[in-house]
Amino acid sequence: MNELLARCPVCGGILTVERLKCRKCGTTIEGNFQLNEFAALDRKNLEFLRLYLKNRGNLSKVAEIMKISYPTAISRFNDLLRALGYESREEYEDTKDILEKLEKGEIDVKEALKMLRGE
């Protein structure tokens, strides 16, 4: 079975599903069905989401498994949130700036956590 496409391979437009079919009895339902936000995730974000859920939201564990730094894992998580439409661009940029400062050693973990919490 082919993987569901969310975007048109020719123009990049959003695809809709027009027919659903039951594998067991063959019943077919036709209409115009919109894909949910999870179906529109690219492979990279979908794999990250699966790993995040499998590890019960533990980003430290996700970072360890992926062999990436914790700040990079947070950045990838923020990318996922943005792809799902759950985070504003401004919040994303603020978080990204804080993580970059942390990676460069300009701030320590305690300070980064305070900034992320808005303290």
Protein backbone atom coordinates (compact mmCIF):
# COMPACT_ATOMS: atom_id res chain seq x y z
CA MET A 1 0.00 0.00 0.00
CA ASN A 2 1.29 3.47 -0.91
CA GLU A 3 1.96 6.16 1.67
CA LEU A 4 -0.70 8.88 1.80
CA LEU A 5 0.40 12.11 0.13
CA ALA A 6 -0.72 15.38 1.67
CA ARG A 7 0.70 17.70 -1.01
CA CYS A 8 0.51 17.58 -4.79
CA PRO A 9 3.83 16.33 -6.24
CA VAL A 10 3.40 18.68 -9.23
CA CYS A 11 2.41 22.06 -7.71
CA GLY A 12 2.70 21.54 -3.93
CA GLY A 13 -1.00 22.25 -3.33
CA ILE A 14 -2.92 20.53 -0.54
CA LEU A 15 -4.55 17.26 -1.59
CA THR A 16 -7.97 16.03 -0.46
CA VAL A 17 -9.27 12.47 -0.27
CA GLU A 18 -12.33 11.80 -2.43
CA ARG A 19 -12.97 8.12 -1.84
CA LEU A 20 -12.70 5.75 1.12
CA LYS A 21 -13.02 1.99 0.76
CA CYS A 22 -13.41 -0.73 3.39
CA ARG A 23 -10.89 -3.54 2.85
CA LYS A 24 -13.16 -6.05 4.56
CA CYS A 25 -16.53 -5.57 2.81
CA GLY A 26 -15.66 -3.30 -0.10
CA THR A 27 -18.02 -0.48 0.92
CA THR A 28 -17.00 2.75 -0.79
CA ILE A 29 -17.75 6.24 0.52
CA GLU A 30 -17.24 9.18 -1.81
CA GLY A 31 -16.99 12.82 -0.87
CA ASN A 32 -14.40 15.49 -0.19
CA PHE A 33 -12.46 14.59 2.96
CA GLN A 34 -9.83 16.94 4.33
CA LEU A 35 -6.64 15.46 5.81
CA ASN A 36 -5.83 16.31 9.43
CA GLU A 37 -2.68 18.16 10.46
CA PHE A 38 -0.81 14.92 11.22
CA ALA A 39 -1.29 13.62 7.68
CA ALA A 40 0.39 16.77 6.37
CA LEU A 41 3.63 16.23 8.35
CA ASP A 42 6.75 15.49 6.35
CA ARG A 43 8.62 12.25 7.05
CA LYS A 44 11.20 13.95 9.33
CA ASN A 45 8.55 15.49 11.60
CA LEU A 46 6.40 12.35 11.60
CA GLU A 47 9.35 10.18 12.67
CA PHE A 48 10.24 12.69 15.41
CA LEU A 49 6.62 12.69 16.63
CA ARG A 50 6.54 8.87 16.76
CA LEU A 51 9.78 8.78 18.74
CA TYR A 52 8.52 11.53 21.07
CA LEU A 53 5.28 9.64 21.75
CA LYS A 54 7.03 6.29 22.13
CA ASN A 55 9.21 7.86 24.84
CA ARG A 56 6.22 9.47 26.58
CA GLY A 57 7.30 13.02 25.82
CA ASN A 58 10.79 12.66 27.28
CA LEU A 59 12.89 14.94 25.06
CA SER A 60 16.09 13.95 26.88
CA LYS A 61 15.50 10.34 25.86
CA VAL A 62 14.61 11.39 22.30
CA ALA A 63 17.87 13.38 22.09
CA GLU A 64 19.82 10.40 23.39
CA ILE A 65 18.26 7.97 20.88
CA MET A 66 18.74 10.39 17.98
CA LYS A 67 22.29 11.20 19.11
CA ILE A 68 21.58 14.94 19.09
CA SER A 69 21.97 17.58 21.79
CA TYR A 70 19.05 18.42 24.06
CA PRO A 71 18.79 21.97 22.64
CA THR A 72 18.63 20.47 19.13
CA ALA A 73 15.85 18.13 20.29
CA ILE A 74 13.92 21.11 21.65
CA SER A 75 14.45 22.94 18.37
CA ARG A 76 13.16 19.90 16.43
CA PHE A 77 10.16 19.72 18.77
CA ASN A 78 9.43 23.39 18.12
CA ASP A 79 9.70 22.71 14.37
CA LEU A 80 7.11 19.96 14.83
CA LEU A 81 4.78 22.26 16.77
CA ARG A 82 5.09 24.90 14.09
CA ALA A 83 4.37 22.34 11.34
CA LEU A 84 1.21 21.37 13.22
CA GLY A 85 0.21 25.02 13.60
CA TYR A 86 0.38 24.88 17.41
CA GLU A 87 2.96 27.59 18.00
CA SER A 88 3.21 31.13 16.75
CA ARG A 89 6.23 32.15 14.71
CA GLU A 90 7.19 34.71 17.38
CA GLU A 91 7.27 32.07 20.16
CA TYR A 92 9.26 29.78 17.89
CA GLU A 93 11.86 32.47 17.13
CA ASP A 94 12.20 33.38 20.83
CA THR A 95 12.78 29.73 21.75
CA LYS A 96 15.21 29.26 18.89
CA ASP A 97 17.21 32.33 19.98
CA ILE A 98 17.40 31.05 23.57
CA LEU A 99 18.58 27.61 22.42
CA GLU A 100 21.22 29.14 20.15
CA LYS A 101 22.54 31.23 23.06
CA LEU A 102 22.65 28.09 25.20
CA GLU A 103 24.55 26.11 22.54
CA LYS A 104 27.07 28.97 22.13
CA GLY A 105 27.61 29.10 25.89
CA GLU A 106 26.31 32.65 26.16
CA ILE A 107 23.84 31.53 28.86
CA ASP A 108 23.72 28.51 31.16
CA VAL A 109 20.94 25.91 31.44
CA LYS A 110 19.37 27.60 34.48
CA GLU A 111 19.12 30.92 32.66
CA ALA A 112 17.76 29.23 29.52
CA LEU A 113 15.04 27.49 31.53
CA LYS A 114 14.05 30.76 33.18
CA MET A 115 13.83 32.46 29.80
CA LEU A 116 11.80 29.60 28.30
CA ARG A 117 9.36 29.78 31.23
CA GLY A 118 9.06 33.54 30.77
CA GLU A 119 10.53 34.37 34.18
